[in-house]
Amino acid sequence: MIKTIGLLPRRPGMTVAEFRAYYETHHRVIGEKYLSGFASRYMRRFITPSPSRDTGETPEADFDVVLEIWYPDRATFEACGRVLSAPEAAAEIVADEERLFDRPRMRFFVIEEECESELPEPSTDRSRS
């Protein structure tokens, strides 16, 4: 399994509600168009900032969505990359990204190894001595 993780900030001047609505009604459709047949999952995790434990203030988030695209193997990941970088696809994707994202601040990572901890089931007793 190979995953692509993207940390994506919204375009300046766009509200959180506008960003989420545009992403889910327009940009998501473009993603599905090109990822279909390659990716096994296309997940958008919209960020809600939490108050600081030190100040109690809720800071502005550096990013607005964590994008996850899962591929079954490296060959499929690379084949999809060739499709995404074809001139027509790249032009369509970039044009829509410019409507939605602060593109210079976008960050992408490839995940080829994950480690998950096995934890016991949570207890109903929330007090820890």
N, C-alpha and C. Protein backbone atom coordinates (compact mmCIF):
# COMPACT_ATOMS: atom_id res chain seq x y z
N MET A 1 0.85 -1.17 0.00
CA MET A 1 0.00 0.00 0.00
C MET A 1 0.90 1.24 0.00
N ILE A 2 0.59 2.17 -0.86
CA ILE A 2 1.27 3.47 -0.90
C ILE A 2 0.20 4.54 -0.76
N LYS A 3 0.50 5.55 0.04
CA LYS A 3 -0.43 6.66 0.23
C LYS A 3 0.25 7.96 -0.14
N THR A 4 -0.52 8.86 -0.70
CA THR A 4 -0.09 10.23 -0.87
C THR A 4 -0.88 11.06 0.15
N ILE A 5 -0.16 11.85 0.91
CA ILE A 5 -0.78 12.74 1.89
C ILE A 5 -0.52 14.17 1.42
N GLY A 6 -1.57 14.98 1.40
CA GLY A 6 -1.43 16.39 1.05
C GLY A 6 -1.95 17.26 2.18
N LEU A 7 -1.21 18.29 2.51
CA LEU A 7 -1.66 19.32 3.45
C LEU A 7 -1.99 20.54 2.61
N LEU A 8 -3.28 20.89 2.56
CA LEU A 8 -3.74 21.85 1.57
C LEU A 8 -4.42 23.06 2.23
N PRO A 9 -3.89 24.26 2.00
CA PRO A 9 -4.51 25.47 2.53
C PRO A 9 -5.46 26.10 1.51
N ARG A 10 -6.51 26.72 2.01
CA ARG A 10 -7.46 27.38 1.11
C ARG A 10 -6.86 28.67 0.56
N ARG A 11 -7.40 29.11 -0.56
CA ARG A 11 -6.97 30.35 -1.21
C ARG A 11 -7.31 31.53 -0.30
N PRO A 12 -6.43 32.52 -0.20
CA PRO A 12 -6.73 33.70 0.60
C PRO A 12 -8.03 34.37 0.13
N GLY A 13 -8.82 34.81 1.10
CA GLY A 13 -10.08 35.47 0.80
C GLY A 13 -11.26 34.53 0.72
N MET A 14 -11.01 33.23 0.77
CA MET A 14 -12.07 32.24 0.70
C MET A 14 -12.41 31.79 2.12
N THR A 15 -13.70 31.75 2.45
CA THR A 15 -14.09 31.30 3.79
C THR A 15 -13.96 29.78 3.89
N VAL A 16 -13.95 29.29 5.11
CA VAL A 16 -13.90 27.85 5.33
C VAL A 16 -15.11 27.18 4.67
N ALA A 17 -16.29 27.75 4.84
CA ALA A 17 -17.51 27.17 4.25
C ALA A 17 -17.43 27.17 2.72
N GLU A 18 -16.97 28.25 2.13
CA GLU A 18 -16.82 28.31 0.67
C GLU A 18 -15.82 27.26 0.19
N PHE A 19 -14.71 27.14 0.92
CA PHE A 19 -13.67 26.18 0.57
C PHE A 19 -14.21 24.75 0.57
N ARG A 20 -14.85 24.38 1.67
CA ARG A 20 -15.36 23.02 1.79
C ARG A 20 -16.42 22.73 0.74
N ALA A 21 -17.31 23.68 0.50
CA ALA A 21 -18.38 23.48 -0.49
C ALA A 21 -17.79 23.33 -1.89
N TYR A 22 -16.83 24.18 -2.25
CA TYR A 22 -16.24 24.10 -3.59
C TYR A 22 -15.47 22.78 -3.75
N TYR A 23 -14.72 22.43 -2.73
CA TYR A 23 -13.94 21.20 -2.80
C TYR A 23 -14.85 20.00 -3.06
N GLU A 24 -15.91 19.90 -2.28
CA GLU A 24 -16.76 18.71 -2.37
C GLU A 24 -17.69 18.71 -3.58
N THR A 25 -17.98 19.86 -4.16
CA THR A 25 -18.87 19.89 -5.33
C THR A 25 -18.13 20.00 -6.66
N HIS A 26 -16.87 20.49 -6.64
CA HIS A 26 -16.14 20.67 -7.89
C HIS A 26 -14.81 19.90 -7.92
N HIS A 27 -13.90 20.27 -7.03
CA HIS A 27 -12.55 19.70 -7.10
C HIS A 27 -12.56 18.19 -6.87
N ARG A 28 -13.39 17.72 -5.95
CA ARG A 28 -13.51 16.28 -5.68
C ARG A 28 -13.86 15.52 -6.96
N VAL A 29 -14.73 16.08 -7.77
CA VAL A 29 -15.17 15.42 -9.00
C VAL A 29 -14.00 15.27 -9.98
N ILE A 30 -13.17 16.29 -10.06
CA ILE A 30 -11.97 16.20 -10.91
C ILE A 30 -11.04 15.12 -10.38
N GLY A 31 -10.84 15.09 -9.07
CA GLY A 31 -10.01 14.04 -8.47
C GLY A 31 -10.53 12.66 -8.81
N GLU A 32 -11.83 12.46 -8.64
CA GLU A 32 -12.42 11.15 -8.93
C GLU A 32 -12.25 10.77 -10.40
N LYS A 33 -12.36 11.77 -11.27
CA LYS A 33 -12.21 11.53 -12.71
C LYS A 33 -10.85 10.90 -13.03
N TYR A 34 -9.79 11.43 -12.44
CA TYR A 34 -8.44 10.96 -12.76
C TYR A 34 -7.95 9.82 -11.86
N LEU A 35 -8.48 9.72 -10.65
CA LEU A 35 -8.03 8.68 -9.73
C LEU A 35 -8.75 7.36 -9.92
N SER A 36 -9.94 7.39 -10.52
CA SER A 36 -10.71 6.17 -10.73
C SER A 36 -9.90 5.16 -11.54
N GLY A 37 -9.89 3.93 -11.07
CA GLY A 37 -9.14 2.87 -11.73
C GLY A 37 -7.72 2.74 -11.22
N PHE A 38 -7.27 3.70 -10.42
CA PHE A 38 -5.93 3.67 -9.85
C PHE A 38 -5.97 3.65 -8.32
N ALA A 39 -6.61 4.64 -7.72
CA ALA A 39 -6.64 4.78 -6.27
C ALA A 39 -7.71 3.88 -5.66
N SER A 40 -7.40 3.36 -4.49
CA SER A 40 -8.39 2.55 -3.77
C SER A 40 -9.17 3.39 -2.76
N ARG A 41 -8.63 4.56 -2.39
CA ARG A 41 -9.33 5.50 -1.50
C ARG A 41 -8.92 6.92 -1.85
N TYR A 42 -9.88 7.83 -1.73
CA TYR A 42 -9.66 9.26 -1.95
C TYR A 42 -10.38 9.96 -0.82
N MET A 43 -9.64 10.35 0.20
CA MET A 43 -10.20 10.85 1.45
C MET A 43 -9.79 12.30 1.67
N ARG A 44 -10.77 13.12 2.06
CA ARG A 44 -10.51 14.50 2.46
C ARG A 44 -10.88 14.64 3.92
N ARG A 45 -9.93 15.07 4.72
CA ARG A 45 -10.16 15.25 6.16
C ARG A 45 -10.06 16.75 6.45
N PHE A 46 -11.21 17.38 6.63
CA PHE A 46 -11.25 18.83 6.84
C PHE A 46 -10.87 19.14 8.29
N ILE A 47 -9.97 20.08 8.45
CA ILE A 47 -9.38 20.41 9.75
C ILE A 47 -10.25 21.42 10.49
N THR A 48 -10.46 21.16 11.77
CA THR A 48 -11.09 22.11 12.68
C THR A 48 -10.06 22.41 13.76
N PRO A 49 -9.53 23.63 13.81
CA PRO A 49 -8.50 23.94 14.81
C PRO A 49 -9.04 23.78 16.24
N SER A 50 -8.16 23.36 17.12
CA SER A 50 -8.48 23.22 18.54
C SER A 50 -7.86 24.37 19.32
N PRO A 51 -8.50 24.73 20.44
CA PRO A 51 -7.91 25.78 21.27
C PRO A 51 -6.53 25.36 21.81
N SER A 52 -5.66 26.32 21.94
CA SER A 52 -4.34 26.07 22.51
C SER A 52 -4.48 25.69 23.98
N ARG A 53 -3.72 24.68 24.41
CA ARG A 53 -3.75 24.30 25.82
C ARG A 53 -3.11 25.39 26.69
N ASP A 54 -2.22 26.18 26.11
CA ASP A 54 -1.54 27.22 26.88
C ASP A 54 -2.37 28.49 27.02
N THR A 55 -2.98 28.94 25.92
CA THR A 55 -3.67 30.23 25.94
C THR A 55 -5.19 30.12 25.90
N GLY A 56 -5.70 28.98 25.46
CA GLY A 56 -7.14 28.82 25.29
C GLY A 56 -7.66 29.42 24.00
N GLU A 57 -6.81 30.14 23.28
CA GLU A 57 -7.21 30.75 22.01
C GLU A 57 -7.15 29.70 20.89
N THR A 58 -8.01 29.85 19.91
CA THR A 58 -8.01 28.94 18.77
C THR A 58 -7.27 29.63 17.63
N PRO A 59 -6.08 29.13 17.30
CA PRO A 59 -5.31 29.75 16.22
C PRO A 59 -5.87 29.40 14.86
N GLU A 60 -5.54 30.20 13.87
CA GLU A 60 -5.86 29.89 12.47
C GLU A 60 -5.04 28.66 12.08
N ALA A 61 -5.64 27.72 11.39
CA ALA A 61 -4.94 26.52 10.96
C ALA A 61 -3.99 26.84 9.81
N ASP A 62 -2.85 26.16 9.76
CA ASP A 62 -1.91 26.33 8.66
C ASP A 62 -2.44 25.70 7.38
N PHE A 63 -3.30 24.69 7.54
CA PHE A 63 -3.87 23.97 6.41
C PHE A 63 -5.35 23.75 6.69
N ASP A 64 -6.11 23.53 5.65
CA ASP A 64 -7.56 23.37 5.80
C ASP A 64 -8.05 21.95 5.57
N VAL A 65 -7.25 21.15 4.90
CA VAL A 65 -7.65 19.77 4.64
C VAL A 65 -6.41 18.90 4.57
N VAL A 66 -6.55 17.68 5.07
CA VAL A 66 -5.53 16.65 4.89
C VAL A 66 -6.10 15.70 3.84
N LEU A 67 -5.43 15.62 2.72
CA LEU A 67 -5.83 14.77 1.61
C LEU A 67 -5.10 13.43 1.73
N GLU A 68 -5.82 12.34 1.56
CA GLU A 68 -5.21 11.01 1.52
C GLU A 68 -5.66 10.31 0.25
N ILE A 69 -4.70 9.83 -0.52
CA ILE A 69 -5.00 9.01 -1.68
C ILE A 69 -4.23 7.71 -1.50
N TRP A 70 -4.94 6.59 -1.51
CA TRP A 70 -4.36 5.28 -1.29
C TRP A 70 -4.26 4.54 -2.62
N TYR A 71 -3.10 3.91 -2.83
CA TYR A 71 -2.86 3.09 -4.02
C TYR A 71 -2.49 1.68 -3.57
N PRO A 72 -2.88 0.67 -4.31
CA PRO A 72 -2.58 -0.70 -3.88
C PRO A 72 -1.10 -1.06 -3.96
N ASP A 73 -0.33 -0.40 -4.86
CA ASP A 73 1.08 -0.74 -5.01
C ASP A 73 1.80 0.39 -5.77
N ARG A 74 3.11 0.29 -5.83
CA ARG A 74 3.93 1.32 -6.47
C ARG A 74 3.63 1.43 -7.97
N ALA A 75 3.44 0.33 -8.64
CA ALA A 75 3.18 0.37 -10.08
C ALA A 75 1.90 1.16 -10.38
N THR A 76 0.87 0.96 -9.59
CA THR A 76 -0.38 1.68 -9.79
C THR A 76 -0.21 3.16 -9.46
N PHE A 77 0.52 3.45 -8.40
CA PHE A 77 0.84 4.83 -8.02
C PHE A 77 1.56 5.54 -9.17
N GLU A 78 2.56 4.89 -9.75
CA GLU A 78 3.32 5.48 -10.84
C GLU A 78 2.48 5.64 -12.11
N ALA A 79 1.63 4.66 -12.39
CA ALA A 79 0.74 4.77 -13.55
C ALA A 79 -0.21 5.95 -13.39
N CYS A 80 -0.74 6.13 -12.21
CA CYS A 80 -1.62 7.27 -11.96
C CYS A 80 -0.85 8.58 -12.11
N GLY A 81 0.38 8.61 -11.62
CA GLY A 81 1.21 9.80 -11.77
C GLY A 81 1.39 10.20 -13.23
N ARG A 82 1.54 9.21 -14.10
CA ARG A 82 1.68 9.51 -15.53
C ARG A 82 0.38 10.12 -16.08
N VAL A 83 -0.76 9.62 -15.65
CA VAL A 83 -2.04 10.17 -16.09
C VAL A 83 -2.21 11.60 -15.57
N LEU A 84 -1.91 11.82 -14.29
CA LEU A 84 -2.07 13.15 -13.69
C LEU A 84 -1.13 14.19 -14.29
N SER A 85 0.03 13.75 -14.78
CA SER A 85 0.99 14.70 -15.34
C SER A 85 0.84 14.91 -16.85
N ALA A 86 -0.07 14.19 -17.47
CA ALA A 86 -0.34 14.42 -18.90
C ALA A 86 -0.83 15.86 -19.07
N PRO A 87 -0.43 16.54 -20.14
CA PRO A 87 -0.73 17.98 -20.28
C PRO A 87 -2.20 18.36 -20.07
N GLU A 88 -3.13 17.62 -20.65
CA GLU A 88 -4.54 17.99 -20.51
C GLU A 88 -5.02 17.84 -19.06
N ALA A 89 -4.66 16.73 -18.41
CA ALA A 89 -5.06 16.51 -17.02
C ALA A 89 -4.41 17.53 -16.11
N ALA A 90 -3.11 17.74 -16.29
CA ALA A 90 -2.40 18.70 -15.43
C ALA A 90 -2.98 20.10 -15.56
N ALA A 91 -3.32 20.52 -16.77
CA ALA A 91 -3.91 21.85 -16.98
C ALA A 91 -5.25 21.97 -16.27
N GLU A 92 -6.08 20.94 -16.37
CA GLU A 92 -7.39 20.98 -15.70
C GLU A 92 -7.24 21.03 -14.19
N ILE A 93 -6.35 20.21 -13.65
CA ILE A 93 -6.14 20.16 -12.21
C ILE A 93 -5.58 21.47 -11.69
N VAL A 94 -4.55 22.00 -12.32
CA VAL A 94 -3.93 23.25 -11.87
C VAL A 94 -4.92 24.41 -11.94
N ALA A 95 -5.68 24.50 -13.01
CA ALA A 95 -6.66 25.59 -13.13
C ALA A 95 -7.66 25.56 -11.98
N ASP A 96 -8.12 24.36 -11.62
CA ASP A 96 -9.07 24.27 -10.52
C ASP A 96 -8.39 24.50 -9.17
N GLU A 97 -7.18 24.02 -9.01
CA GLU A 97 -6.44 24.27 -7.77
C GLU A 97 -6.28 25.77 -7.54
N GLU A 98 -6.04 26.54 -8.58
CA GLU A 98 -5.87 27.98 -8.43
C GLU A 98 -7.14 28.67 -7.95
N ARG A 99 -8.30 28.09 -8.20
CA ARG A 99 -9.58 28.62 -7.70
C ARG A 99 -9.78 28.30 -6.22
N LEU A 100 -9.08 27.27 -5.73
CA LEU A 100 -9.38 26.69 -4.42
C LEU A 100 -8.26 26.83 -3.40
N PHE A 101 -7.04 26.59 -3.81
CA PHE A 101 -5.93 26.48 -2.87
C PHE A 101 -4.95 27.65 -2.94
N ASP A 102 -4.19 27.81 -1.85
CA ASP A 102 -3.00 28.65 -1.83
C ASP A 102 -1.87 27.73 -2.28
N ARG A 103 -1.71 27.58 -3.58
CA ARG A 103 -0.85 26.55 -4.16
C ARG A 103 0.61 26.58 -3.68
N PRO A 104 1.23 27.76 -3.50
CA PRO A 104 2.63 27.73 -3.03
C PRO A 104 2.79 27.11 -1.64
N ARG A 105 1.73 27.08 -0.86
CA ARG A 105 1.81 26.52 0.50
C ARG A 105 1.40 25.06 0.58
N MET A 106 0.96 24.47 -0.54
CA MET A 106 0.56 23.05 -0.53
C MET A 106 1.78 22.17 -0.28
N ARG A 107 1.58 21.09 0.49
CA ARG A 107 2.66 20.15 0.80
C ARG A 107 2.17 18.73 0.53
N PHE A 108 3.02 17.91 -0.08
CA PHE A 108 2.67 16.52 -0.38
C PHE A 108 3.75 15.58 0.11
N PHE A 109 3.33 14.40 0.53
CA PHE A 109 4.23 13.38 1.05
C PHE A 109 3.78 12.02 0.54
N VAL A 110 4.73 11.13 0.36
CA VAL A 110 4.43 9.75 0.00
C VAL A 110 4.71 8.89 1.23
N ILE A 111 3.74 8.06 1.58
CA ILE A 111 3.86 7.17 2.75
C ILE A 111 3.98 5.74 2.23
N GLU A 112 5.11 5.11 2.53
CA GLU A 112 5.31 3.72 2.12
C GLU A 112 5.41 2.79 3.30
N GLU A 113 5.51 3.35 4.49
CA GLU A 113 5.60 2.52 5.69
C GLU A 113 4.79 3.17 6.80
N GLU A 114 3.97 2.37 7.45
CA GLU A 114 3.18 2.85 8.58
C GLU A 114 3.39 1.91 9.76
N CYS A 115 3.30 2.46 10.94
CA CYS A 115 3.38 1.67 12.16
C CYS A 115 2.16 2.04 13.01
N GLU A 116 1.41 1.05 13.41
CA GLU A 116 0.21 1.29 14.20
C GLU A 116 0.33 0.55 15.52
N SER A 117 0.00 1.23 16.59
CA SER A 117 0.03 0.61 17.91
C SER A 117 -1.26 -0.13 18.17
N GLU A 118 -1.14 -1.30 18.78
CA GLU A 118 -2.30 -2.05 19.23
C GLU A 118 -2.63 -1.55 20.64
N LEU A 119 -3.81 -1.03 20.82
CA LEU A 119 -4.23 -0.52 22.12
C LEU A 119 -5.40 -1.34 22.64
N PRO A 120 -5.50 -1.46 23.95
CA PRO A 120 -6.65 -2.17 24.49
C PRO A 120 -7.92 -1.35 24.26
N GLU A 121 -9.05 -2.02 24.28
CA GLU A 121 -10.32 -1.33 24.13
C GLU A 121 -10.46 -0.28 25.24
N PRO A 122 -11.00 0.89 24.90
CA PRO A 122 -11.21 1.91 25.94
C PRO A 122 -12.18 1.40 27.01
N SER A 123 -11.89 1.75 28.24
CA SER A 123 -12.79 1.35 29.32
C SER A 123 -13.84 2.44 29.51
N THR A 124 -14.91 2.08 30.15
CA THR A 124 -15.95 3.05 30.45
C THR A 124 -15.57 3.89 31.67
N ASP A 125 -14.59 3.42 32.44
CA ASP A 125 -14.11 4.17 33.60
C ASP A 125 -13.07 5.17 33.12
N ARG A 126 -13.40 6.44 33.10
CA ARG A 126 -12.51 7.48 32.58
C ARG A 126 -11.53 8.02 33.62
N SER A 127 -11.64 7.57 34.87
CA SER A 127 -10.71 8.07 35.89
C SER A 127 -9.44 7.23 35.83
N ARG A 128 -8.32 7.91 35.81
CA ARG A 128 -7.02 7.22 35.83
C ARG A 128 -6.31 7.62 37.09
N SER A 129 -5.94 6.67 37.85
CA SER A 129 -5.28 6.95 39.12
C SER A 129 -3.82 7.14 38.94
